[in-house]
N, C-alpha and C. Protein backbone atom coordinates (compact mmCIF):
# COMPACT_ATOMS: atom_id res chain seq x y z
N UNK A 1 -6.46 -10.56 -13.67
CA UNK A 1 -4.94 -10.72 -14.03
C UNK A 1 -4.41 -11.15 -12.95
N UNK A 2 -3.43 -12.34 -13.15
CA UNK A 2 -2.80 -12.94 -12.12
C UNK A 2 -1.68 -12.12 -11.35
N UNK A 3 -1.43 -12.01 -10.23
CA UNK A 3 -0.03 -11.44 -9.83
C UNK A 3 0.45 -12.21 -8.89
N UNK A 4 1.75 -11.95 -8.85
CA UNK A 4 2.68 -12.81 -7.87
C UNK A 4 2.83 -11.99 -6.51
N UNK A 5 2.47 -12.67 -5.51
CA UNK A 5 2.70 -12.18 -4.23
C UNK A 5 3.85 -12.84 -3.56
N UNK A 6 4.78 -11.96 -3.17
CA UNK A 6 6.12 -12.39 -2.50
C UNK A 6 6.03 -12.40 -1.06
N UNK A 7 6.48 -13.03 -0.28
CA UNK A 7 6.66 -12.85 1.10
C UNK A 7 5.62 -12.10 1.93
N UNK A 8 4.17 -12.73 1.53
CA UNK A 8 3.00 -12.26 2.06
C UNK A 8 2.42 -13.20 2.90
N UNK A 9 1.72 -12.95 3.73
CA UNK A 9 0.73 -13.83 4.27
C UNK A 9 0.77 -13.62 5.68
N UNK A 10 0.38 -14.69 6.58
CA UNK A 10 0.17 -14.41 7.99
C UNK A 10 -1.43 -14.41 8.25
N UNK A 11 -1.75 -15.31 9.01
CA UNK A 11 -3.24 -15.41 9.45
C UNK A 11 -3.27 -16.56 10.42
N UNK A 12 -4.34 -16.81 11.21
CA UNK A 12 -4.37 -17.82 12.07
C UNK A 12 -4.00 -19.27 11.60
N UNK A 13 -4.04 -19.42 10.29
CA UNK A 13 -3.54 -20.93 9.78
C UNK A 13 -2.38 -20.83 9.09
N UNK A 14 -1.65 -19.81 9.05
CA UNK A 14 -0.40 -19.90 8.66
C UNK A 14 0.64 -18.95 9.32
N UNK A 15 1.79 -19.61 9.81
CA UNK A 15 2.46 -18.92 10.82
C UNK A 15 4.00 -19.17 10.12
N UNK A 16 4.93 -18.27 10.62
CA UNK A 16 6.26 -18.28 9.93
C UNK A 16 7.22 -17.78 10.97
N UNK A 17 8.56 -18.30 10.98
CA UNK A 17 9.50 -17.93 11.67
C UNK A 17 10.56 -16.94 10.91
N UNK A 18 10.39 -16.91 9.62
CA UNK A 18 11.05 -16.12 8.86
C UNK A 18 10.49 -14.71 8.13
N UNK A 19 9.26 -14.35 8.58
CA UNK A 19 8.56 -13.55 7.89
C UNK A 19 7.90 -13.79 6.36
N UNK A 20 8.02 -15.09 6.13
CA UNK A 20 7.56 -15.64 4.76
C UNK A 20 8.42 -15.69 3.72
N UNK A 21 9.63 -15.24 4.00
CA UNK A 21 10.86 -14.97 2.92
C UNK A 21 10.72 -16.03 2.16
N UNK A 22 10.67 -16.01 0.74
CA UNK A 22 10.69 -17.14 -0.16
C UNK A 22 9.54 -17.68 -0.52
N UNK A 23 8.38 -17.19 0.11
CA UNK A 23 6.87 -17.75 -0.07
C UNK A 23 6.46 -17.02 -1.54
N UNK A 24 5.94 -17.53 -2.27
CA UNK A 24 5.27 -16.92 -3.38
C UNK A 24 3.97 -17.68 -3.65
N UNK A 25 2.97 -16.79 -3.92
CA UNK A 25 1.67 -17.32 -4.11
C UNK A 25 1.27 -16.46 -5.24
N UNK A 26 0.22 -17.13 -6.21
CA UNK A 26 -0.36 -16.50 -7.59
C UNK A 26 -1.40 -16.30 -6.96
N UNK A 27 -1.96 -14.74 -7.28
CA UNK A 27 -3.51 -14.51 -6.69
C UNK A 27 -4.20 -13.86 -8.14
N UNK A 28 -5.24 -14.19 -8.29
CA UNK A 28 -6.19 -13.55 -9.32
C UNK A 28 -6.87 -12.49 -8.91
N UNK A 29 -6.92 -11.40 -9.45
CA UNK A 29 -7.69 -10.26 -9.60
C UNK A 29 -8.17 -9.76 -10.54
N UNK A 30 -9.64 -9.89 -11.01
CA UNK A 30 -10.26 -9.57 -12.34
C UNK A 30 -10.16 -7.91 -12.55
N UNK A 31 -9.76 -7.17 -11.44
CA UNK A 31 -9.75 -5.70 -11.60
C UNK A 31 -8.39 -5.26 -12.09
N UNK A 32 -7.58 -6.09 -12.09
CA UNK A 32 -5.92 -5.69 -12.20
C UNK A 32 -5.73 -5.43 -13.58
N UNK A 33 -4.61 -4.72 -13.95
CA UNK A 33 -4.20 -4.61 -15.21
C UNK A 33 -4.92 -3.84 -16.24
N UNK A 34 -4.28 -3.06 -17.13
CA UNK A 34 -4.63 -1.97 -17.93
C UNK A 34 -4.64 -3.14 -19.33
N UNK A 35 -5.69 -2.51 -20.11
CA UNK A 35 -5.71 -3.03 -21.45
C UNK A 35 -4.64 -3.41 -22.19
N UNK A 36 -3.57 -2.59 -22.10
CA UNK A 36 -2.18 -2.80 -22.44
C UNK A 36 -1.33 -4.14 -22.16
N UNK A 37 -1.62 -4.16 -20.69
CA UNK A 37 -0.91 -5.26 -19.81
C UNK A 37 -1.68 -6.42 -20.41
N UNK A 38 -2.88 -6.49 -20.25
CA UNK A 38 -3.39 -7.61 -20.67
C UNK A 38 -3.20 -8.29 -21.84
N UNK A 39 -3.00 -7.34 -22.96
CA UNK A 39 -2.74 -7.67 -24.28
C UNK A 39 -1.34 -8.27 -24.35
N UNK A 40 -0.46 -7.78 -23.46
CA UNK A 40 0.88 -8.24 -23.32
C UNK A 40 0.84 -9.71 -22.87
N UNK A 41 0.08 -9.79 -21.70
CA UNK A 41 -0.13 -11.13 -21.16
C UNK A 41 -0.56 -12.31 -22.32
N UNK A 42 -1.65 -11.87 -22.84
CA UNK A 42 -2.26 -12.63 -23.90
C UNK A 42 -1.33 -13.12 -25.04
N UNK A 43 -0.43 -12.02 -25.47
CA UNK A 43 0.74 -12.25 -26.46
C UNK A 43 1.91 -13.12 -26.02
N UNK A 44 2.00 -13.07 -24.67
CA UNK A 44 2.87 -13.96 -24.02
C UNK A 44 2.49 -15.53 -23.89
N UNK A 45 1.21 -15.65 -23.78
CA UNK A 45 0.61 -16.92 -23.62
C UNK A 45 0.59 -17.43 -24.96
N UNK A 46 0.01 -16.83 -26.00
CA UNK A 46 0.14 -17.28 -27.29
C UNK A 46 1.24 -17.56 -27.80
N UNK A 47 2.22 -16.83 -27.71
CA UNK A 47 3.95 -17.12 -28.28
C UNK A 47 4.33 -18.66 -27.45
N UNK A 48 3.97 -18.66 -26.04
CA UNK A 48 4.21 -19.67 -25.49
C UNK A 48 3.71 -21.04 -26.12
N UNK A 49 2.42 -20.92 -26.31
CA UNK A 49 1.62 -22.02 -26.87
C UNK A 49 2.08 -22.40 -28.29
N UNK A 50 2.26 -21.54 -29.06
CA UNK A 50 2.74 -21.87 -30.25
C UNK A 50 4.20 -22.36 -30.45
N UNK A 51 4.84 -22.11 -29.46
CA UNK A 51 6.37 -22.93 -29.31
C UNK A 51 6.60 -23.71 -28.33
N UNK A 52 5.38 -24.43 -27.74
CA UNK A 52 5.37 -25.15 -26.53
C UNK A 52 6.24 -26.69 -26.76
N UNK A 53 6.47 -26.71 -28.01
CA UNK A 53 7.24 -28.13 -28.25
C UNK A 53 8.71 -27.90 -28.55
N UNK A 54 8.85 -26.83 -28.83
CA UNK A 54 10.51 -26.39 -28.98
C UNK A 54 11.09 -25.92 -27.55
N UNK A 55 9.99 -25.24 -27.00
CA UNK A 55 10.65 -24.48 -25.78
C UNK A 55 9.74 -24.90 -24.87
N UNK A 56 9.91 -25.72 -24.07
CA UNK A 56 9.10 -26.41 -22.85
C UNK A 56 8.52 -25.74 -21.74
N UNK A 57 9.57 -24.68 -21.18
CA UNK A 57 9.43 -24.11 -19.83
C UNK A 57 8.69 -22.66 -20.43
N UNK A 58 8.20 -21.83 -19.48
CA UNK A 58 7.49 -21.04 -19.78
C UNK A 58 8.43 -19.46 -19.65
N UNK A 59 9.57 -19.84 -19.03
CA UNK A 59 10.52 -18.67 -18.82
C UNK A 59 9.84 -17.62 -17.92
N UNK A 60 9.13 -17.90 -17.11
CA UNK A 60 8.40 -17.47 -16.36
C UNK A 60 8.03 -15.83 -16.73
N UNK A 61 7.45 -15.71 -17.95
CA UNK A 61 7.16 -14.61 -18.59
C UNK A 61 6.12 -13.81 -17.91
N UNK A 62 5.12 -14.30 -17.21
CA UNK A 62 4.20 -13.46 -16.38
C UNK A 62 5.09 -12.81 -15.23
N UNK A 63 5.82 -13.70 -14.69
CA UNK A 63 6.54 -12.97 -13.41
C UNK A 63 7.41 -12.08 -14.08
N UNK A 64 7.98 -12.09 -15.21
CA UNK A 64 9.04 -11.15 -15.85
C UNK A 64 8.37 -9.81 -16.18
N UNK A 65 7.21 -10.00 -16.68
CA UNK A 65 6.18 -8.89 -16.93
C UNK A 65 5.80 -8.08 -15.66
N UNK A 66 5.61 -8.64 -14.83
CA UNK A 66 5.38 -8.21 -13.50
C UNK A 66 6.67 -7.31 -12.82
N UNK A 67 7.72 -8.20 -12.96
CA UNK A 67 8.91 -7.44 -12.16
C UNK A 67 9.20 -6.34 -13.17
N UNK A 68 9.36 -6.34 -14.41
CA UNK A 68 9.53 -5.12 -15.23
C UNK A 68 8.65 -3.75 -14.91
N UNK A 69 7.56 -4.13 -14.79
CA UNK A 69 6.49 -2.97 -14.25
C UNK A 69 6.88 -2.54 -12.80
N UNK A 70 7.20 -3.24 -11.85
CA UNK A 70 7.46 -2.96 -10.50
C UNK A 70 8.89 -2.56 -10.48
N UNK A 71 9.81 -2.58 -11.25
CA UNK A 71 11.28 -2.18 -10.94
C UNK A 71 11.83 -1.95 -12.44
N UNK A 72 11.11 -0.47 -12.74
CA UNK A 72 11.25 0.14 -14.13
C UNK A 72 12.73 0.70 -13.94
N UNK A 73 13.46 1.02 -15.07
CA UNK A 73 14.61 1.70 -15.24
C UNK A 73 15.81 0.76 -15.32
N UNK A 74 15.57 -0.50 -15.27
CA UNK A 74 16.86 -1.47 -15.48
C UNK A 74 17.27 -1.54 -16.87
N UNK A 75 18.46 -0.92 -17.15
CA UNK A 75 18.91 -1.00 -18.59
C UNK A 75 19.47 -2.41 -18.96
N UNK A 76 19.42 -2.36 -20.38
CA UNK A 76 20.06 -3.56 -20.64
C UNK A 76 21.16 -3.16 -21.44
N UNK A 77 22.39 -3.55 -20.96
CA UNK A 77 23.56 -3.22 -21.71
C UNK A 77 23.81 -3.88 -23.03
N UNK A 78 24.52 -3.43 -23.78
CA UNK A 78 24.88 -4.15 -25.16
C UNK A 78 25.81 -5.21 -25.08
N UNK A 79 25.33 -6.35 -25.97
CA UNK A 79 25.98 -7.67 -25.88
C UNK A 79 27.35 -7.46 -26.51
N UNK A 80 28.42 -7.98 -26.30
CA UNK A 80 29.54 -7.66 -26.76
C UNK A 80 30.00 -9.05 -27.38
N UNK A 81 30.37 -9.11 -28.59
CA UNK A 81 30.61 -10.35 -29.47
C UNK A 81 32.16 -10.07 -29.70
N UNK A 82 33.03 -11.23 -29.45
CA UNK A 82 34.40 -11.20 -29.72
C UNK A 82 34.57 -12.48 -30.53
N UNK A 83 35.10 -11.83 -31.72
CA UNK A 83 35.68 -12.87 -32.85
C UNK A 83 36.87 -13.70 -32.29
N UNK A 84 37.00 -14.81 -32.92
CA UNK A 84 38.07 -15.76 -32.52
C UNK A 84 39.51 -14.92 -32.46
N UNK A 85 39.76 -14.13 -33.30
CA UNK A 85 40.84 -13.31 -33.45
C UNK A 85 41.21 -12.15 -32.65
N UNK A 86 40.30 -11.82 -31.97
CA UNK A 86 40.32 -10.60 -31.02
C UNK A 86 40.76 -10.99 -29.67
N UNK A 87 41.42 -9.93 -29.04
CA UNK A 87 41.77 -10.12 -27.55
C UNK A 87 40.83 -9.61 -26.79
N UNK A 88 40.58 -10.62 -25.68
CA UNK A 88 39.53 -10.16 -24.67
C UNK A 88 40.00 -9.07 -23.80
N UNK A 89 39.59 -8.07 -23.53
CA UNK A 89 39.71 -6.83 -22.80
C UNK A 89 39.36 -7.04 -21.46
N UNK A 90 39.83 -5.98 -20.53
CA UNK A 90 39.14 -5.92 -19.31
C UNK A 90 37.79 -5.22 -19.38
N UNK A 91 37.69 -4.36 -20.24
CA UNK A 91 36.43 -3.76 -20.60
C UNK A 91 35.32 -4.79 -21.08
N UNK A 92 35.71 -5.66 -21.84
CA UNK A 92 34.63 -6.84 -22.41
C UNK A 92 34.11 -7.73 -21.34
N UNK A 93 35.12 -7.92 -20.46
CA UNK A 93 34.89 -8.87 -19.40
C UNK A 93 33.96 -8.39 -18.33
N UNK A 94 34.47 -6.76 -18.05
CA UNK A 94 33.57 -6.03 -17.19
C UNK A 94 32.16 -5.75 -17.73
N UNK A 95 32.08 -5.63 -18.81
CA UNK A 95 30.65 -5.38 -19.49
C UNK A 95 29.77 -6.84 -19.65
N UNK A 96 30.31 -7.90 -19.82
CA UNK A 96 29.73 -8.99 -19.76
C UNK A 96 29.46 -9.31 -18.24
N UNK A 97 30.23 -9.19 -17.45
CA UNK A 97 29.58 -9.61 -15.92
C UNK A 97 28.72 -8.73 -15.48
N UNK A 98 28.66 -7.47 -15.94
CA UNK A 98 27.56 -6.68 -15.53
C UNK A 98 26.34 -6.94 -16.39
N UNK A 99 26.33 -7.24 -17.46
CA UNK A 99 25.11 -7.71 -18.30
C UNK A 99 24.45 -8.66 -17.45
N UNK A 100 25.33 -9.87 -17.07
CA UNK A 100 25.03 -10.98 -16.37
C UNK A 100 24.26 -10.67 -14.95
N UNK A 101 24.94 -9.70 -14.21
CA UNK A 101 24.41 -9.32 -12.99
C UNK A 101 23.14 -8.54 -13.15
N UNK A 102 23.02 -7.75 -14.11
CA UNK A 102 21.88 -7.10 -14.29
C UNK A 102 20.77 -7.96 -14.87
N UNK A 103 21.13 -8.70 -15.51
CA UNK A 103 19.97 -9.95 -15.87
C UNK A 103 19.47 -10.56 -14.58
N UNK A 104 20.25 -11.12 -13.96
CA UNK A 104 19.69 -11.92 -12.67
C UNK A 104 19.38 -11.19 -11.78
N UNK A 105 19.68 -9.74 -11.51
CA UNK A 105 18.90 -9.02 -10.51
C UNK A 105 17.59 -8.67 -10.93
N UNK A 106 17.08 -8.60 -12.26
CA UNK A 106 15.88 -8.76 -12.63
C UNK A 106 14.96 -9.79 -12.35
N UNK A 107 15.54 -10.73 -11.98
CA UNK A 107 14.71 -12.09 -11.87
C UNK A 107 14.63 -12.42 -10.16
N UNK A 108 15.30 -11.47 -9.42
CA UNK A 108 15.40 -11.57 -7.84
C UNK A 108 14.18 -10.83 -7.50
N UNK A 109 13.59 -11.59 -6.29
CA UNK A 109 12.26 -10.80 -5.89
C UNK A 109 12.66 -9.95 -4.71
N UNK A 110 11.97 -9.12 -4.20
CA UNK A 110 12.36 -8.02 -3.12
C UNK A 110 12.65 -8.73 -2.03
N UNK A 111 12.25 -10.00 -1.63
CA UNK A 111 12.83 -10.60 -0.41
C UNK A 111 14.26 -11.34 -0.50
N UNK A 112 14.74 -11.38 -1.79
CA UNK A 112 15.94 -12.05 -1.79
C UNK A 112 15.96 -13.25 -2.72
N UNK A 113 14.79 -13.81 -2.85
CA UNK A 113 14.72 -15.34 -3.39
C UNK A 113 14.63 -14.98 -5.02
N UNK A 114 14.76 -16.15 -5.64
CA UNK A 114 14.49 -16.06 -7.19
C UNK A 114 13.35 -17.08 -7.37
N UNK A 115 12.15 -16.36 -7.28
CA UNK A 115 10.90 -17.25 -7.76
C UNK A 115 10.99 -17.80 -9.20
N UNK A 116 10.49 -18.92 -9.33
CA UNK A 116 10.29 -19.50 -10.65
C UNK A 116 9.25 -20.74 -10.83
N UNK A 117 9.45 -20.82 -12.13
CA UNK A 117 8.42 -22.01 -12.72
C UNK A 117 8.98 -23.41 -11.87
N UNK A 118 7.86 -24.25 -11.32
CA UNK A 118 8.15 -25.49 -10.82
C UNK A 118 7.54 -26.44 -11.76
N UNK A 119 8.41 -27.49 -11.75
CA UNK A 119 7.93 -28.45 -13.03
C UNK A 119 7.09 -29.83 -12.31
N UNK A 120 6.92 -29.75 -11.01
CA UNK A 120 6.02 -30.58 -10.38
C UNK A 120 4.52 -30.60 -10.69
N UNK A 121 3.97 -29.55 -11.14
CA UNK A 121 2.45 -29.66 -11.20
C UNK A 121 1.84 -30.99 -12.07
N UNK A 122 2.68 -31.12 -13.04
CA UNK A 122 2.37 -32.39 -14.06
C UNK A 122 2.18 -33.58 -13.37
N UNK A 123 3.05 -33.74 -12.51
CA UNK A 123 3.18 -35.07 -11.27
C UNK A 123 1.92 -34.81 -10.26
N UNK A 124 1.86 -33.71 -9.79
CA UNK A 124 1.14 -33.52 -8.45
C UNK A 124 -0.33 -33.26 -8.78
N UNK A 125 -0.51 -32.57 -10.09
CA UNK A 125 -2.10 -32.15 -10.23
C UNK A 125 -2.85 -33.33 -10.24
N UNK A 126 -2.89 -34.42 -11.07
CA UNK A 126 -3.81 -35.18 -11.02
C UNK A 126 -4.41 -35.65 -9.66
N UNK A 127 -3.36 -36.13 -9.07
CA UNK A 127 -3.77 -36.56 -7.66
C UNK A 127 -4.51 -35.56 -6.76
N UNK A 128 -4.22 -34.39 -7.12
CA UNK A 128 -4.75 -33.24 -6.10
C UNK A 128 -6.28 -33.29 -6.93
N UNK A 129 -6.44 -33.05 -8.27
CA UNK A 129 -7.69 -33.03 -8.73
C UNK A 129 -8.66 -34.45 -8.35
N UNK A 130 -8.01 -35.45 -8.46
CA UNK A 130 -8.69 -36.65 -8.29
C UNK A 130 -9.19 -36.42 -6.68
N UNK A 131 -8.45 -36.35 -5.72
CA UNK A 131 -8.86 -36.38 -4.44
C UNK A 131 -9.87 -35.35 -4.22
N UNK A 132 -9.66 -34.12 -4.74
CA UNK A 132 -10.68 -32.95 -4.35
C UNK A 132 -11.86 -33.21 -5.02
N UNK A 133 -12.06 -33.97 -6.12
CA UNK A 133 -13.30 -34.53 -6.78
C UNK A 133 -13.83 -35.46 -5.99
N UNK A 134 -13.25 -36.40 -5.57
CA UNK A 134 -13.73 -37.44 -4.90
C UNK A 134 -14.53 -37.01 -3.39
N UNK A 135 -13.89 -36.02 -2.96
CA UNK A 135 -14.18 -35.51 -1.57
C UNK A 135 -15.11 -34.44 -1.91
N UNK A 136 -15.56 -34.18 -3.10
CA UNK A 136 -16.35 -33.17 -3.24
C UNK A 136 -16.23 -31.54 -2.98
N UNK A 137 -14.84 -31.56 -2.70
CA UNK A 137 -14.43 -30.20 -2.57
C UNK A 137 -13.64 -29.48 -3.66
N UNK A 138 -13.87 -29.88 -4.88
CA UNK A 138 -13.20 -29.39 -6.08
C UNK A 138 -13.50 -27.72 -6.21
N UNK A 139 -14.85 -27.50 -6.29
CA UNK A 139 -15.20 -26.23 -6.40
C UNK A 139 -15.11 -25.49 -4.92
N UNK A 140 -14.93 -25.89 -3.97
CA UNK A 140 -14.77 -24.91 -2.77
C UNK A 140 -13.34 -24.45 -2.46
N UNK A 141 -12.25 -25.57 -3.26
CA UNK A 141 -10.88 -25.14 -2.98
C UNK A 141 -10.28 -24.48 -4.21
N UNK A 142 -10.94 -24.81 -5.49
CA UNK A 142 -10.33 -24.03 -6.45
C UNK A 142 -11.33 -23.29 -7.13
N UNK A 143 -10.95 -21.89 -7.50
CA UNK A 143 -11.97 -21.08 -8.16
C UNK A 143 -11.81 -21.35 -9.83
N UNK A 144 -12.66 -20.77 -10.44
CA UNK A 144 -13.01 -20.89 -11.86
C UNK A 144 -11.48 -20.65 -12.73
N UNK A 145 -11.04 -19.55 -12.11
CA UNK A 145 -9.71 -19.15 -12.60
C UNK A 145 -8.50 -19.94 -12.43
N UNK A 146 -8.67 -20.70 -11.25
CA UNK A 146 -7.37 -21.51 -11.28
C UNK A 146 -7.63 -22.98 -12.05
N UNK A 147 -8.87 -23.37 -12.02
CA UNK A 147 -9.38 -24.54 -12.97
C UNK A 147 -8.99 -24.12 -14.44
N UNK A 148 -9.30 -22.73 -14.82
CA UNK A 148 -8.95 -22.47 -16.03
C UNK A 148 -7.27 -22.46 -16.53
N UNK A 149 -6.56 -21.93 -15.57
CA UNK A 149 -5.04 -21.99 -15.44
C UNK A 149 -4.62 -23.37 -15.42
N UNK A 150 -5.24 -24.18 -14.77
CA UNK A 150 -4.89 -25.73 -14.65
C UNK A 150 -4.77 -26.47 -15.82
N UNK A 151 -5.84 -26.17 -16.43
CA UNK A 151 -6.43 -26.72 -17.83
C UNK A 151 -5.19 -26.22 -18.85
N UNK A 152 -5.17 -25.05 -18.82
CA UNK A 152 -4.22 -24.41 -19.80
C UNK A 152 -2.81 -25.02 -19.49
N UNK A 153 -2.07 -25.15 -18.26
CA UNK A 153 -1.10 -25.77 -18.10
C UNK A 153 -0.90 -27.10 -18.52
N UNK A 154 -1.95 -27.82 -18.47
CA UNK A 154 -2.08 -29.48 -18.73
C UNK A 154 -1.83 -29.39 -20.42
N UNK A 155 -2.96 -28.66 -20.82
CA UNK A 155 -2.86 -28.57 -22.33
C UNK A 155 -1.61 -28.34 -23.15
N UNK A 156 -0.84 -27.22 -22.37
CA UNK A 156 0.38 -26.68 -23.08
C UNK A 156 1.42 -27.60 -22.66
N UNK A 157 1.34 -28.37 -21.71
CA UNK A 157 2.32 -29.06 -21.21
C UNK A 157 2.26 -30.64 -21.63
N UNK A 158 1.22 -31.10 -22.30
CA UNK A 158 1.04 -32.39 -22.49
C UNK A 158 1.78 -32.90 -23.67
N UNK A 159 2.40 -34.18 -23.79
CA UNK A 159 3.26 -34.54 -24.91
C UNK A 159 2.34 -34.38 -26.35
N UNK A 160 3.31 -34.55 -27.31
CA UNK A 160 2.76 -34.55 -28.71
C UNK A 160 1.84 -36.02 -29.11
N UNK A 161 1.85 -36.70 -28.29
CA UNK A 161 1.14 -38.16 -28.41
C UNK A 161 -0.18 -37.87 -28.62
N UNK A 162 -0.87 -39.01 -29.26
CA UNK A 162 -2.27 -39.08 -29.58
C UNK A 162 -3.24 -39.48 -28.68
N UNK A 163 -2.48 -39.85 -27.72
CA UNK A 163 -3.26 -40.37 -26.30
C UNK A 163 -2.63 -39.50 -25.15
N UNK A 164 -3.48 -39.42 -24.14
CA UNK A 164 -3.14 -38.56 -23.04
C UNK A 164 -3.09 -39.55 -21.76
N UNK A 165 -2.18 -39.25 -21.00
CA UNK A 165 -2.04 -40.18 -19.83
C UNK A 165 -3.27 -40.11 -18.95
N UNK A 166 -3.73 -41.36 -18.40
CA UNK A 166 -4.88 -41.58 -17.42
C UNK A 166 -5.05 -40.40 -16.54
N UNK A 167 -3.95 -40.22 -15.77
CA UNK A 167 -4.30 -38.98 -14.79
C UNK A 167 -4.45 -37.73 -15.31
N UNK A 168 -3.93 -37.33 -16.68
CA UNK A 168 -4.05 -36.10 -17.28
C UNK A 168 -5.56 -35.91 -17.60
N UNK A 169 -6.04 -37.24 -18.22
CA UNK A 169 -7.47 -37.06 -18.62
C UNK A 169 -8.40 -36.82 -17.63
N UNK A 170 -8.24 -37.80 -16.30
CA UNK A 170 -9.03 -37.48 -15.16
C UNK A 170 -9.04 -36.49 -14.95
N UNK A 171 -7.77 -35.68 -14.92
CA UNK A 171 -7.77 -34.20 -14.31
C UNK A 171 -8.40 -33.15 -15.11
N UNK A 172 -8.29 -33.25 -16.57
CA UNK A 172 -9.16 -32.48 -17.34
C UNK A 172 -10.60 -32.83 -17.35
N UNK A 173 -10.98 -33.57 -17.15
CA UNK A 173 -12.50 -34.15 -17.24
C UNK A 173 -13.17 -33.63 -15.91
N UNK A 174 -12.26 -33.62 -14.96
CA UNK A 174 -12.92 -33.02 -13.48
C UNK A 174 -12.80 -31.69 -13.32
N UNK A 175 -12.09 -31.02 -14.19
CA UNK A 175 -11.67 -29.39 -14.14
C UNK A 175 -12.81 -28.76 -14.89
N UNK A 176 -13.37 -29.69 -16.02
CA UNK A 176 -14.47 -28.99 -16.85
C UNK A 176 -15.70 -29.35 -16.47
C-alpha cells in the first residue's frame, strides 16, 4: 500500500533549511494496510477508472483516505440550502463558513501545506522513462510498484483517441 510521507527526509544526499516543510513523497510498503483499507483503495481506483473521462483528476482520494485515518473525528456539518425567496441569516453564513473551513482543514498536512495531485507527470514521464531506459538505469531507479503505478497513471489519463502519443507508447513499452 502507498503512504504519503510529509516533511520527512534528511540524509547525506538531501539537505534542507526549512526542515522539509512542504516535501511530499509517496512510499510503497507491501505490509501496510488492513484488508478493509486495501478494499477501500481498490474501490476508489476502480471508481476513478470508470469515470476517468468525465472527471479527469483523481481528487487525491488516496491522500484523503490516509488523512481521514490519521485525523479521525472531523465532523461533516450539514449543508444548508437557501431558496431564492429565503433570507440569508447569520447562522446560515456561519455554518457555510464552518463547512468550508472544516473541509479545507481535512486537506491540509500536519506541516501546514496542502499536498495534491500534480498534472506534470504526463508531460515529464516519457522523458524520464526514455532516459532511464537508454542509460540502463530503469530497474535500478524504479521499483516494480513504481512502474505499475506509472502504467496505471498513463492508462487512466490517456485521451479517448484510437492512437496513443509517441512518448506515451514508448513509456508504456519501456515500463513493461
